[in-house]
């Protein structure tokens, strides 16, 4: 109700990297 289509299933994170103002 707050944010339709927000959840993406079948999706796995492998890693993250930092950048100047956030994260990748």
PDBML (XML) file of the C-alpha atoms, coordinates in Angstrom:
<?xml version="1.0" encoding="UTF-8" ?>
<PDBx:datablock datablockName="MODEL"
   xmlns:PDBx="http://pdbml.pdb.org/schema/pdbx-v50.xsd"
   xmlns:xsi="http://www.w3.org/2001/XMLSchema-instance"
   xsi:schemaLocation="http://pdbml.pdb.org/schema/pdbx-v50.xsd pdbx-v50.xsd">
   <PDBx:atom_siteCategory>
      <PDBx:atom_site id="1">
         <PDBx:B_iso_or_equiv>0.00</PDBx:B_iso_or_equiv>
         <PDBx:Cartn_x>0.000</PDBx:Cartn_x>
         <PDBx:Cartn_y>0.000</PDBx:Cartn_y>
         <PDBx:Cartn_z>0.000</PDBx:Cartn_z>
         <PDBx:auth_asym_id>A</PDBx:auth_asym_id>
         <PDBx:auth_atom_id>CA</PDBx:auth_atom_id>
         <PDBx:auth_comp_id>UNK</PDBx:auth_comp_id>
         <PDBx:auth_seq_id>1</PDBx:auth_seq_id>
         <PDBx:group_PDB>ATOM</PDBx:group_PDB>
         <PDBx:label_alt_id xsi:nil="true" />
         <PDBx:label_asym_id>A</PDBx:label_asym_id>
         <PDBx:label_atom_id>CA</PDBx:label_atom_id>
         <PDBx:label_comp_id>UNK</PDBx:label_comp_id>
         <PDBx:label_entity_id>1</PDBx:label_entity_id>
         <PDBx:label_seq_id>1</PDBx:label_seq_id>
         <PDBx:occupancy>1.00</PDBx:occupancy>
         <PDBx:pdbx_PDB_model_num>1</PDBx:pdbx_PDB_model_num>
         <PDBx:type_symbol>C</PDBx:type_symbol>
      </PDBx:atom_site>
      <PDBx:atom_site id="2">
         <PDBx:B_iso_or_equiv>0.00</PDBx:B_iso_or_equiv>
         <PDBx:Cartn_x>2.856</PDBx:Cartn_x>
         <PDBx:Cartn_y>2.365</PDBx:Cartn_y>
         <PDBx:Cartn_z>0.819</PDBx:Cartn_z>
         <PDBx:auth_asym_id>A</PDBx:auth_asym_id>
         <PDBx:auth_atom_id>CA</PDBx:auth_atom_id>
         <PDBx:auth_comp_id>UNK</PDBx:auth_comp_id>
         <PDBx:auth_seq_id>2</PDBx:auth_seq_id>
         <PDBx:group_PDB>ATOM</PDBx:group_PDB>
         <PDBx:label_alt_id xsi:nil="true" />
         <PDBx:label_asym_id>A</PDBx:label_asym_id>
         <PDBx:label_atom_id>CA</PDBx:label_atom_id>
         <PDBx:label_comp_id>UNK</PDBx:label_comp_id>
         <PDBx:label_entity_id>1</PDBx:label_entity_id>
         <PDBx:label_seq_id>2</PDBx:label_seq_id>
         <PDBx:occupancy>1.00</PDBx:occupancy>
         <PDBx:pdbx_PDB_model_num>1</PDBx:pdbx_PDB_model_num>
         <PDBx:type_symbol>C</PDBx:type_symbol>
      </PDBx:atom_site>
      <PDBx:atom_site id="3">
         <PDBx:B_iso_or_equiv>0.00</PDBx:B_iso_or_equiv>
         <PDBx:Cartn_x>5.058</PDBx:Cartn_x>
         <PDBx:Cartn_y>1.457</PDBx:Cartn_y>
         <PDBx:Cartn_z>-2.152</PDBx:Cartn_z>
         <PDBx:auth_asym_id>A</PDBx:auth_asym_id>
         <PDBx:auth_atom_id>CA</PDBx:auth_atom_id>
         <PDBx:auth_comp_id>UNK</PDBx:auth_comp_id>
         <PDBx:auth_seq_id>3</PDBx:auth_seq_id>
         <PDBx:group_PDB>ATOM</PDBx:group_PDB>
         <PDBx:label_alt_id xsi:nil="true" />
         <PDBx:label_asym_id>A</PDBx:label_asym_id>
         <PDBx:label_atom_id>CA</PDBx:label_atom_id>
         <PDBx:label_comp_id>UNK</PDBx:label_comp_id>
         <PDBx:label_entity_id>1</PDBx:label_entity_id>
         <PDBx:label_seq_id>3</PDBx:label_seq_id>
         <PDBx:occupancy>1.00</PDBx:occupancy>
         <PDBx:pdbx_PDB_model_num>1</PDBx:pdbx_PDB_model_num>
         <PDBx:type_symbol>C</PDBx:type_symbol>
      </PDBx:atom_site>
      <PDBx:atom_site id="4">
         <PDBx:B_iso_or_equiv>0.00</PDBx:B_iso_or_equiv>
         <PDBx:Cartn_x>3.695</PDBx:Cartn_x>
         <PDBx:Cartn_y>-1.008</PDBx:Cartn_y>
         <PDBx:Cartn_z>-4.731</PDBx:Cartn_z>
         <PDBx:auth_asym_id>A</PDBx:auth_asym_id>
         <PDBx:auth_atom_id>CA</PDBx:auth_atom_id>
         <PDBx:auth_comp_id>UNK</PDBx:auth_comp_id>
         <PDBx:auth_seq_id>4</PDBx:auth_seq_id>
         <PDBx:group_PDB>ATOM</PDBx:group_PDB>
         <PDBx:label_alt_id xsi:nil="true" />
         <PDBx:label_asym_id>A</PDBx:label_asym_id>
         <PDBx:label_atom_id>CA</PDBx:label_atom_id>
         <PDBx:label_comp_id>UNK</PDBx:label_comp_id>
         <PDBx:label_entity_id>1</PDBx:label_entity_id>
         <PDBx:label_seq_id>4</PDBx:label_seq_id>
         <PDBx:occupancy>1.00</PDBx:occupancy>
         <PDBx:pdbx_PDB_model_num>1</PDBx:pdbx_PDB_model_num>
         <PDBx:type_symbol>C</PDBx:type_symbol>
      </PDBx:atom_site>
      <PDBx:atom_site id="5">
         <PDBx:B_iso_or_equiv>0.00</PDBx:B_iso_or_equiv>
         <PDBx:Cartn_x>6.097</PDBx:Cartn_x>
         <PDBx:Cartn_y>-3.377</PDBx:Cartn_y>
         <PDBx:Cartn_z>-6.502</PDBx:Cartn_z>
         <PDBx:auth_asym_id>A</PDBx:auth_asym_id>
         <PDBx:auth_atom_id>CA</PDBx:auth_atom_id>
         <PDBx:auth_comp_id>UNK</PDBx:auth_comp_id>
         <PDBx:auth_seq_id>5</PDBx:auth_seq_id>
         <PDBx:group_PDB>ATOM</PDBx:group_PDB>
         <PDBx:label_alt_id xsi:nil="true" />
         <PDBx:label_asym_id>A</PDBx:label_asym_id>
         <PDBx:label_atom_id>CA</PDBx:label_atom_id>
         <PDBx:label_comp_id>UNK</PDBx:label_comp_id>
         <PDBx:label_entity_id>1</PDBx:label_entity_id>
         <PDBx:label_seq_id>5</PDBx:label_seq_id>
         <PDBx:occupancy>1.00</PDBx:occupancy>
         <PDBx:pdbx_PDB_model_num>1</PDBx:pdbx_PDB_model_num>
         <PDBx:type_symbol>C</PDBx:type_symbol>
      </PDBx:atom_site>
      <PDBx:atom_site id="6">
         <PDBx:B_iso_or_equiv>0.00</PDBx:B_iso_or_equiv>
         <PDBx:Cartn_x>8.863</PDBx:Cartn_x>
         <PDBx:Cartn_y>-2.756</PDBx:Cartn_y>
         <PDBx:Cartn_z>-3.979</PDBx:Cartn_z>
         <PDBx:auth_asym_id>A</PDBx:auth_asym_id>
         <PDBx:auth_atom_id>CA</PDBx:auth_atom_id>
         <PDBx:auth_comp_id>UNK</PDBx:auth_comp_id>
         <PDBx:auth_seq_id>6</PDBx:auth_seq_id>
         <PDBx:group_PDB>ATOM</PDBx:group_PDB>
         <PDBx:label_alt_id xsi:nil="true" />
         <PDBx:label_asym_id>A</PDBx:label_asym_id>
         <PDBx:label_atom_id>CA</PDBx:label_atom_id>
         <PDBx:label_comp_id>UNK</PDBx:label_comp_id>
         <PDBx:label_entity_id>1</PDBx:label_entity_id>
         <PDBx:label_seq_id>6</PDBx:label_seq_id>
         <PDBx:occupancy>1.00</PDBx:occupancy>
         <PDBx:pdbx_PDB_model_num>1</PDBx:pdbx_PDB_model_num>
         <PDBx:type_symbol>C</PDBx:type_symbol>
      </PDBx:atom_site>
      <PDBx:atom_site id="7">
         <PDBx:B_iso_or_equiv>0.00</PDBx:B_iso_or_equiv>
         <PDBx:Cartn_x>9.777</PDBx:Cartn_x>
         <PDBx:Cartn_y>-6.394</PDBx:Cartn_y>
         <PDBx:Cartn_z>-3.303</PDBx:Cartn_z>
         <PDBx:auth_asym_id>A</PDBx:auth_asym_id>
         <PDBx:auth_atom_id>CA</PDBx:auth_atom_id>
         <PDBx:auth_comp_id>UNK</PDBx:auth_comp_id>
         <PDBx:auth_seq_id>7</PDBx:auth_seq_id>
         <PDBx:group_PDB>ATOM</PDBx:group_PDB>
         <PDBx:label_alt_id xsi:nil="true" />
         <PDBx:label_asym_id>A</PDBx:label_asym_id>
         <PDBx:label_atom_id>CA</PDBx:label_atom_id>
         <PDBx:label_comp_id>UNK</PDBx:label_comp_id>
         <PDBx:label_entity_id>1</PDBx:label_entity_id>
         <PDBx:label_seq_id>7</PDBx:label_seq_id>
         <PDBx:occupancy>1.00</PDBx:occupancy>
         <PDBx:pdbx_PDB_model_num>1</PDBx:pdbx_PDB_model_num>
         <PDBx:type_symbol>C</PDBx:type_symbol>
      </PDBx:atom_site>
      <PDBx:atom_site id="8">
         <PDBx:B_iso_or_equiv>0.00</PDBx:B_iso_or_equiv>
         <PDBx:Cartn_x>11.830</PDBx:Cartn_x>
         <PDBx:Cartn_y>-8.197</PDBx:Cartn_y>
         <PDBx:Cartn_z>-5.945</PDBx:Cartn_z>
         <PDBx:auth_asym_id>A</PDBx:auth_asym_id>
         <PDBx:auth_atom_id>CA</PDBx:auth_atom_id>
         <PDBx:auth_comp_id>UNK</PDBx:auth_comp_id>
         <PDBx:auth_seq_id>8</PDBx:auth_seq_id>
         <PDBx:group_PDB>ATOM</PDBx:group_PDB>
         <PDBx:label_alt_id xsi:nil="true" />
         <PDBx:label_asym_id>A</PDBx:label_asym_id>
         <PDBx:label_atom_id>CA</PDBx:label_atom_id>
         <PDBx:label_comp_id>UNK</PDBx:label_comp_id>
         <PDBx:label_entity_id>1</PDBx:label_entity_id>
         <PDBx:label_seq_id>8</PDBx:label_seq_id>
         <PDBx:occupancy>1.00</PDBx:occupancy>
         <PDBx:pdbx_PDB_model_num>1</PDBx:pdbx_PDB_model_num>
         <PDBx:type_symbol>C</PDBx:type_symbol>
      </PDBx:atom_site>
      <PDBx:atom_site id="9">
         <PDBx:B_iso_or_equiv>0.00</PDBx:B_iso_or_equiv>
         <PDBx:Cartn_x>11.978</PDBx:Cartn_x>
         <PDBx:Cartn_y>-11.960</PDBx:Cartn_y>
         <PDBx:Cartn_z>-5.378</PDBx:Cartn_z>
         <PDBx:auth_asym_id>A</PDBx:auth_asym_id>
         <PDBx:auth_atom_id>CA</PDBx:auth_atom_id>
         <PDBx:auth_comp_id>UNK</PDBx:auth_comp_id>
         <PDBx:auth_seq_id>9</PDBx:auth_seq_id>
         <PDBx:group_PDB>ATOM</PDBx:group_PDB>
         <PDBx:label_alt_id xsi:nil="true" />
         <PDBx:label_asym_id>A</PDBx:label_asym_id>
         <PDBx:label_atom_id>CA</PDBx:label_atom_id>
         <PDBx:label_comp_id>UNK</PDBx:label_comp_id>
         <PDBx:label_entity_id>1</PDBx:label_entity_id>
         <PDBx:label_seq_id>9</PDBx:label_seq_id>
         <PDBx:occupancy>1.00</PDBx:occupancy>
         <PDBx:pdbx_PDB_model_num>1</PDBx:pdbx_PDB_model_num>
         <PDBx:type_symbol>C</PDBx:type_symbol>
      </PDBx:atom_site>
      <PDBx:atom_site id="10">
         <PDBx:B_iso_or_equiv>0.00</PDBx:B_iso_or_equiv>
         <PDBx:Cartn_x>14.505</PDBx:Cartn_x>
         <PDBx:Cartn_y>-14.374</PDBx:Cartn_y>
         <PDBx:Cartn_z>-6.860</PDBx:Cartn_z>
         <PDBx:auth_asym_id>A</PDBx:auth_asym_id>
         <PDBx:auth_atom_id>CA</PDBx:auth_atom_id>
         <PDBx:auth_comp_id>UNK</PDBx:auth_comp_id>
         <PDBx:auth_seq_id>10</PDBx:auth_seq_id>
         <PDBx:group_PDB>ATOM</PDBx:group_PDB>
         <PDBx:label_alt_id xsi:nil="true" />
         <PDBx:label_asym_id>A</PDBx:label_asym_id>
         <PDBx:label_atom_id>CA</PDBx:label_atom_id>
         <PDBx:label_comp_id>UNK</PDBx:label_comp_id>
         <PDBx:label_entity_id>1</PDBx:label_entity_id>
         <PDBx:label_seq_id>10</PDBx:label_seq_id>
         <PDBx:occupancy>1.00</PDBx:occupancy>
         <PDBx:pdbx_PDB_model_num>1</PDBx:pdbx_PDB_model_num>
         <PDBx:type_symbol>C</PDBx:type_symbol>
      </PDBx:atom_site>
      <PDBx:atom_site id="11">
         <PDBx:B_iso_or_equiv>0.00</PDBx:B_iso_or_equiv>
         <PDBx:Cartn_x>17.198</PDBx:Cartn_x>
         <PDBx:Cartn_y>-11.748</PDBx:Cartn_y>
         <PDBx:Cartn_z>-6.439</PDBx:Cartn_z>
         <PDBx:auth_asym_id>A</PDBx:auth_asym_id>
         <PDBx:auth_atom_id>CA</PDBx:auth_atom_id>
         <PDBx:auth_comp_id>UNK</PDBx:auth_comp_id>
         <PDBx:auth_seq_id>11</PDBx:auth_seq_id>
         <PDBx:group_PDB>ATOM</PDBx:group_PDB>
         <PDBx:label_alt_id xsi:nil="true" />
         <PDBx:label_asym_id>A</PDBx:label_asym_id>
         <PDBx:label_atom_id>CA</PDBx:label_atom_id>
         <PDBx:label_comp_id>UNK</PDBx:label_comp_id>
         <PDBx:label_entity_id>1</PDBx:label_entity_id>
         <PDBx:label_seq_id>11</PDBx:label_seq_id>
         <PDBx:occupancy>1.00</PDBx:occupancy>
         <PDBx:pdbx_PDB_model_num>1</PDBx:pdbx_PDB_model_num>
         <PDBx:type_symbol>C</PDBx:type_symbol>
      </PDBx:atom_site>
      <PDBx:atom_site id="12">
         <PDBx:B_iso_or_equiv>0.00</PDBx:B_iso_or_equiv>
         <PDBx:Cartn_x>20.379</PDBx:Cartn_x>
         <PDBx:Cartn_y>-12.411</PDBx:Cartn_y>
         <PDBx:Cartn_z>-4.479</PDBx:Cartn_z>
         <PDBx:auth_asym_id>A</PDBx:auth_asym_id>
         <PDBx:auth_atom_id>CA</PDBx:auth_atom_id>
         <PDBx:auth_comp_id>UNK</PDBx:auth_comp_id>
         <PDBx:auth_seq_id>12</PDBx:auth_seq_id>
         <PDBx:group_PDB>ATOM</PDBx:group_PDB>
         <PDBx:label_alt_id xsi:nil="true" />
         <PDBx:label_asym_id>A</PDBx:label_asym_id>
         <PDBx:label_atom_id>CA</PDBx:label_atom_id>
         <PDBx:label_comp_id>UNK</PDBx:label_comp_id>
         <PDBx:label_entity_id>1</PDBx:label_entity_id>
         <PDBx:label_seq_id>12</PDBx:label_seq_id>
         <PDBx:occupancy>1.00</PDBx:occupancy>
         <PDBx:pdbx_PDB_model_num>1</PDBx:pdbx_PDB_model_num>
         <PDBx:type_symbol>C</PDBx:type_symbol>
      </PDBx:atom_site>
      <PDBx:atom_site id="13">
         <PDBx:B_iso_or_equiv>0.00</PDBx:B_iso_or_equiv>
         <PDBx:Cartn_x>22.962</PDBx:Cartn_x>
         <PDBx:Cartn_y>-9.857</PDBx:Cartn_y>
         <PDBx:Cartn_z>-3.416</PDBx:Cartn_z>
         <PDBx:auth_asym_id>A</PDBx:auth_asym_id>
         <PDBx:auth_atom_id>CA</PDBx:auth_atom_id>
         <PDBx:auth_comp_id>UNK</PDBx:auth_comp_id>
         <PDBx:auth_seq_id>13</PDBx:auth_seq_id>
         <PDBx:group_PDB>ATOM</PDBx:group_PDB>
         <PDBx:label_alt_id xsi:nil="true" />
         <PDBx:label_asym_id>A</PDBx:label_asym_id>
         <PDBx:label_atom_id>CA</PDBx:label_atom_id>
         <PDBx:label_comp_id>UNK</PDBx:label_comp_id>
         <PDBx:label_entity_id>1</PDBx:label_entity_id>
         <PDBx:label_seq_id>13</PDBx:label_seq_id>
         <PDBx:occupancy>1.00</PDBx:occupancy>
         <PDBx:pdbx_PDB_model_num>1</PDBx:pdbx_PDB_model_num>
         <PDBx:type_symbol>C</PDBx:type_symbol>
      </PDBx:atom_site>
      <PDBx:atom_site id="14">
         <PDBx:B_iso_or_equiv>0.00</PDBx:B_iso_or_equiv>
         <PDBx:Cartn_x>26.592</PDBx:Cartn_x>
         <PDBx:Cartn_y>-10.909</PDBx:Cartn_y>
         <PDBx:Cartn_z>-3.902</PDBx:Cartn_z>
         <PDBx:auth_asym_id>A</PDBx:auth_asym_id>
         <PDBx:auth_atom_id>CA</PDBx:auth_atom_id>
         <PDBx:auth_comp_id>UNK</PDBx:auth_comp_id>
         <PDBx:auth_seq_id>14</PDBx:auth_seq_id>
         <PDBx:group_PDB>ATOM</PDBx:group_PDB>
         <PDBx:label_alt_id xsi:nil="true" />
         <PDBx:label_asym_id>A</PDBx:label_asym_id>
         <PDBx:label_atom_id>CA</PDBx:label_atom_id>
         <PDBx:label_comp_id>UNK</PDBx:label_comp_id>
         <PDBx:label_entity_id>1</PDBx:label_entity_id>
         <PDBx:label_seq_id>14</PDBx:label_seq_id>
         <PDBx:occupancy>1.00</PDBx:occupancy>
         <PDBx:pdbx_PDB_model_num>1</PDBx:pdbx_PDB_model_num>
         <PDBx:type_symbol>C</PDBx:type_symbol>
      </PDBx:atom_site>
      <PDBx:atom_site id="15">
         <PDBx:B_iso_or_equiv>0.00</PDBx:B_iso_or_equiv>
         <PDBx:Cartn_x>28.543</PDBx:Cartn_x>
         <PDBx:Cartn_y>-7.961</PDBx:Cartn_y>
         <PDBx:Cartn_z>-2.487</PDBx:Cartn_z>
         <PDBx:auth_asym_id>A</PDBx:auth_asym_id>
         <PDBx:auth_atom_id>CA</PDBx:auth_atom_id>
         <PDBx:auth_comp_id>UNK</PDBx:auth_comp_id>
         <PDBx:auth_seq_id>15</PDBx:auth_seq_id>
         <PDBx:group_PDB>ATOM</PDBx:group_PDB>
         <PDBx:label_alt_id xsi:nil="true" />
         <PDBx:label_asym_id>A</PDBx:label_asym_id>
         <PDBx:label_atom_id>CA</PDBx:label_atom_id>
         <PDBx:label_comp_id>UNK</PDBx:label_comp_id>
         <PDBx:label_entity_id>1</PDBx:label_entity_id>
         <PDBx:label_seq_id>15</PDBx:label_seq_id>
         <PDBx:occupancy>1.00</PDBx:occupancy>
         <PDBx:pdbx_PDB_model_num>1</PDBx:pdbx_PDB_model_num>
         <PDBx:type_symbol>C</PDBx:type_symbol>
      </PDBx:atom_site>
      <PDBx:atom_site id="16">
         <PDBx:B_iso_or_equiv>0.00</PDBx:B_iso_or_equiv>
         <PDBx:Cartn_x>28.643</PDBx:Cartn_x>
         <PDBx:Cartn_y>-4.204</PDBx:Cartn_y>
         <PDBx:Cartn_z>-2.035</PDBx:Cartn_z>
         <PDBx:auth_asym_id>A</PDBx:auth_asym_id>
         <PDBx:auth_atom_id>CA</PDBx:auth_atom_id>
         <PDBx:auth_comp_id>UNK</PDBx:auth_comp_id>
         <PDBx:auth_seq_id>16</PDBx:auth_seq_id>
         <PDBx:group_PDB>ATOM</PDBx:group_PDB>
         <PDBx:label_alt_id xsi:nil="true" />
         <PDBx:label_asym_id>A</PDBx:label_asym_id>
         <PDBx:label_atom_id>CA</PDBx:label_atom_id>
         <PDBx:label_comp_id>UNK</PDBx:label_comp_id>
         <PDBx:label_entity_id>1</PDBx:label_entity_id>
         <PDBx:label_seq_id>16</PDBx:label_seq_id>
         <PDBx:occupancy>1.00</PDBx:occupancy>
         <PDBx:pdbx_PDB_model_num>1</PDBx:pdbx_PDB_model_num>
         <PDBx:type_symbol>C</PDBx:type_symbol>
      </PDBx:atom_site>
      <PDBx:atom_site id="17">
         <PDBx:B_iso_or_equiv>0.00</PDBx:B_iso_or_equiv>
         <PDBx:Cartn_x>31.089</PDBx:Cartn_x>
         <PDBx:Cartn_y>-1.410</PDBx:Cartn_y>
         <PDBx:Cartn_z>-2.725</PDBx:Cartn_z>
         <PDBx:auth_asym_id>A</PDBx:auth_asym_id>
         <PDBx:auth_atom_id>CA</PDBx:auth_atom_id>
         <PDBx:auth_comp_id>UNK</PDBx:auth_comp_id>
         <PDBx:auth_seq_id>17</PDBx:auth_seq_id>
         <PDBx:group_PDB>ATOM</PDBx:group_PDB>
         <PDBx:label_alt_id xsi:nil="true" />
         <PDBx:label_asym_id>A</PDBx:label_asym_id>
         <PDBx:label_atom_id>CA</PDBx:label_atom_id>
         <PDBx:label_comp_id>UNK</PDBx:label_comp_id>
         <PDBx:label_entity_id>1</PDBx:label_entity_id>
         <PDBx:label_seq_id>17</PDBx:label_seq_id>
         <PDBx:occupancy>1.00</PDBx:occupancy>
         <PDBx:pdbx_PDB_model_num>1</PDBx:pdbx_PDB_model_num>
         <PDBx:type_symbol>C</PDBx:type_symbol>
      </PDBx:atom_site>
      <PDBx:atom_site id="18">
         <PDBx:B_iso_or_equiv>0.00</PDBx:B_iso_or_equiv>
         <PDBx:Cartn_x>31.243</PDBx:Cartn_x>
         <PDBx:Cartn_y>2.102</PDBx:Cartn_y>
         <PDBx:Cartn_z>-1.372</PDBx:Cartn_z>
         <PDBx:auth_asym_id>A</PDBx:auth_asym_id>
         <PDBx:auth_atom_id>CA</PDBx:auth_atom_id>
         <PDBx:auth_comp_id>UNK</PDBx:auth_comp_id>
         <PDBx:auth_seq_id>18</PDBx:auth_seq_id>
         <PDBx:group_PDB>ATOM</PDBx:group_PDB>
         <PDBx:label_alt_id xsi:nil="true" />
         <PDBx:label_asym_id>A</PDBx:label_asym_id>
         <PDBx:label_atom_id>CA</PDBx:label_atom_id>
         <PDBx:label_comp_id>UNK</PDBx:label_comp_id>
         <PDBx:label_entity_id>1</PDBx:label_entity_id>
         <PDBx:label_seq_id>18</PDBx:label_seq_id>
         <PDBx:occupancy>1.00</PDBx:occupancy>
         <PDBx:pdbx_PDB_model_num>1</PDBx:pdbx_PDB_model_num>
         <PDBx:type_symbol>C</PDBx:type_symbol>
      </PDBx:atom_site>
      <PDBx:atom_site id="19">
         <PDBx:B_iso_or_equiv>0.00</PDBx:B_iso_or_equiv>
         <PDBx:Cartn_x>31.236</PDBx:Cartn_x>
         <PDBx:Cartn_y>5.260</PDBx:Cartn_y>
         <PDBx:Cartn_z>-3.445</PDBx:Cartn_z>
         <PDBx:auth_asym_id>A</PDBx:auth_asym_id>
         <PDBx:auth_atom_id>CA</PDBx:auth_atom_id>
         <PDBx:auth_comp_id>UNK</PDBx:auth_comp_id>
         <PDBx:auth_seq_id>19</PDBx:auth_seq_id>
         <PDBx:group_PDB>ATOM</PDBx:group_PDB>
         <PDBx:label_alt_id xsi:nil="true" />
         <PDBx:label_asym_id>A</PDBx:label_asym_id>
         <PDBx:label_atom_id>CA</PDBx:label_atom_id>
         <PDBx:label_comp_id>UNK</PDBx:label_comp_id>
         <PDBx:label_entity_id>1</PDBx:label_entity_id>
         <PDBx:label_seq_id>19</PDBx:label_seq_id>
         <PDBx:occupancy>1.00</PDBx:occupancy>
         <PDBx:pdbx_PDB_model_num>1</PDBx:pdbx_PDB_model_num>
         <PDBx:type_symbol>C</PDBx:type_symbol>
      </PDBx:atom_site>
      <PDBx:atom_site id="20">
         <PDBx:B_iso_or_equiv>0.00</PDBx:B_iso_or_equiv>
         <PDBx:Cartn_x>31.400</PDBx:Cartn_x>
         <PDBx:Cartn_y>8.929</PDBx:Cartn_y>
         <PDBx:Cartn_z>-2.526</PDBx:Cartn_z>
         <PDBx:auth_asym_id>A</PDBx:auth_asym_id>
         <PDBx:auth_atom_id>CA</PDBx:auth_atom_id>
         <PDBx:auth_comp_id>UNK</PDBx:auth_comp_id>
         <PDBx:auth_seq_id>20</PDBx:auth_seq_id>
         <PDBx:group_PDB>ATOM</PDBx:group_PDB>
         <PDBx:label_alt_id xsi:nil="true" />
         <PDBx:label_asym_id>A</PDBx:label_asym_id>
         <PDBx:label_atom_id>CA</PDBx:label_atom_id>
         <PDBx:label_comp_id>UNK</PDBx:label_comp_id>
         <PDBx:label_entity_id>1</PDBx:label_entity_id>
         <PDBx:label_seq_id>20</PDBx:label_seq_id>
         <PDBx:occupancy>1.00</PDBx:occupancy>
         <PDBx:pdbx_PDB_model_num>1</PDBx:pdbx_PDB_model_num>
         <PDBx:type_symbol>C</PDBx:type_symbol>
      </PDBx:atom_site>
      <PDBx:atom_site id="21">
         <PDBx:B_iso_or_equiv>0.00</PDBx:B_iso_or_equiv>
         <PDBx:Cartn_x>27.801</PDBx:Cartn_x>
         <PDBx:Cartn_y>9.506</PDBx:Cartn_y>
         <PDBx:Cartn_z>-1.481</PDBx:Cartn_z>
         <PDBx:auth_asym_id>A</PDBx:auth_asym_id>
         <PDBx:auth_atom_id>CA</PDBx:auth_atom_id>
         <PDBx:auth_comp_id>UNK</PDBx:auth_comp_id>
         <PDBx:auth_seq_id>21</PDBx:auth_seq_id>
         <PDBx:group_PDB>ATOM</PDBx:group_PDB>
         <PDBx:label_alt_id xsi:nil="true" />
         <PDBx:label_asym_id>A</PDBx:label_asym_id>
         <PDBx:label_atom_id>CA</PDBx:label_atom_id>
         <PDBx:label_comp_id>UNK</PDBx:label_comp_id>
         <PDBx:label_entity_id>1</PDBx:label_entity_id>
         <PDBx:label_seq_id>21</PDBx:label_seq_id>
         <PDBx:occupancy>1.00</PDBx:occupancy>
         <PDBx:pdbx_PDB_model_num>1</PDBx:pdbx_PDB_model_num>
         <PDBx:type_symbol>C</PDBx:type_symbol>
      </PDBx:atom_site>
      <PDBx:atom_site id="22">
         <PDBx:B_iso_or_equiv>0.00</PDBx:B_iso_or_equiv>
         <PDBx:Cartn_x>26.376</PDBx:Cartn_x>
         <PDBx:Cartn_y>6.035</PDBx:Cartn_y>
         <PDBx:Cartn_z>-1.033</PDBx:Cartn_z>
         <PDBx:auth_asym_id>A</PDBx:auth_asym_id>
         <PDBx:auth_atom_id>CA</PDBx:auth_atom_id>
         <PDBx:auth_comp_id>UNK</PDBx:auth_comp_id>
         <PDBx:auth_seq_id>22</PDBx:auth_seq_id>
         <PDBx:group_PDB>ATOM</PDBx:group_PDB>
         <PDBx:label_alt_id xsi:nil="true" />
         <PDBx:label_asym_id>A</PDBx:label_asym_id>
         <PDBx:label_atom_id>CA</PDBx:label_atom_id>
         <PDBx:label_comp_id>UNK</PDBx:label_comp_id>
         <PDBx:label_entity_id>1</PDBx:label_entity_id>
         <PDBx:label_seq_id>22</PDBx:label_seq_id>
         <PDBx:occupancy>1.00</PDBx:occupancy>
         <PDBx:pdbx_PDB_model_num>1</PDBx:pdbx_PDB_model_num>
         <PDBx:type_symbol>C</PDBx:type_symbol>
      </PDBx:atom_site>
      <PDBx:atom_site id="23">
         <PDBx:B_iso_or_equiv>0.00</PDBx:B_iso_or_equiv>
         <PDBx:Cartn_x>26.686</PDBx:Cartn_x>
         <PDBx:Cartn_y>2.353</PDBx:Cartn_y>
         <PDBx:Cartn_z>-1.756</PDBx:Cartn_z>
         <PDBx:auth_asym_id>A</PDBx:auth_asym_id>
         <PDBx:auth_atom_id>CA</PDBx:auth_atom_id>
         <PDBx:auth_comp_id>UNK</PDBx:auth_comp_id>
         <PDBx:auth_seq_id>23</PDBx:auth_seq_id>
         <PDBx:group_PDB>ATOM</PDBx:group_PDB>
         <PDBx:label_alt_id xsi:nil="true" />
         <PDBx:label_asym_id>A</PDBx:label_asym_id>
         <PDBx:label_atom_id>CA</PDBx:label_atom_id>
         <PDBx:label_comp_id>UNK</PDBx:label_comp_id>
         <PDBx:label_entity_id>1</PDBx:label_entity_id>
         <PDBx:label_seq_id>23</PDBx:label_seq_id>
         <PDBx:occupancy>1.00</PDBx:occupancy>
         <PDBx:pdbx_PDB_model_num>1</PDBx:pdbx_PDB_model_num>
         <PDBx:type_symbol>C</PDBx:type_symbol>
      </PDBx:atom_site>
      <PDBx:atom_site id="24">
         <PDBx:B_iso_or_equiv>0.00</PDBx:B_iso_or_equiv>
         <PDBx:Cartn_x>26.589</PDBx:Cartn_x>
         <PDBx:Cartn_y>0.072</PDBx:Cartn_y>
         <PDBx:Cartn_z>-4.779</PDBx:Cartn_z>
         <PDBx:auth_asym_id>A</PDBx:auth_asym_id>
         <PDBx:auth_atom_id>CA</PDBx:auth_atom_id>
         <PDBx:auth_comp_id>UNK</PDBx:auth_comp_id>
         <PDBx:auth_seq_id>24</PDBx:auth_seq_id>
         <PDBx:group_PDB>ATOM</PDBx:group_PDB>
         <PDBx:label_alt_id xsi:nil="true" />
         <PDBx:label_asym_id>A</PDBx:label_asym_id>
         <PDBx:label_atom_id>CA</PDBx:label_atom_id>
         <PDBx:label_comp_id>UNK</PDBx:label_comp_id>
         <PDBx:label_entity_id>1</PDBx:label_entity_id>
         <PDBx:label_seq_id>24</PDBx:label_seq_id>
         <PDBx:occupancy>1.00</PDBx:occupancy>
         <PDBx:pdbx_PDB_model_num>1</PDBx:pdbx_PDB_model_num>
         <PDBx:type_symbol>C</PDBx:type_symbol>
      </PDBx:atom_site>
   </PDBx:atom_siteCategory>
</PDBx:datablock>
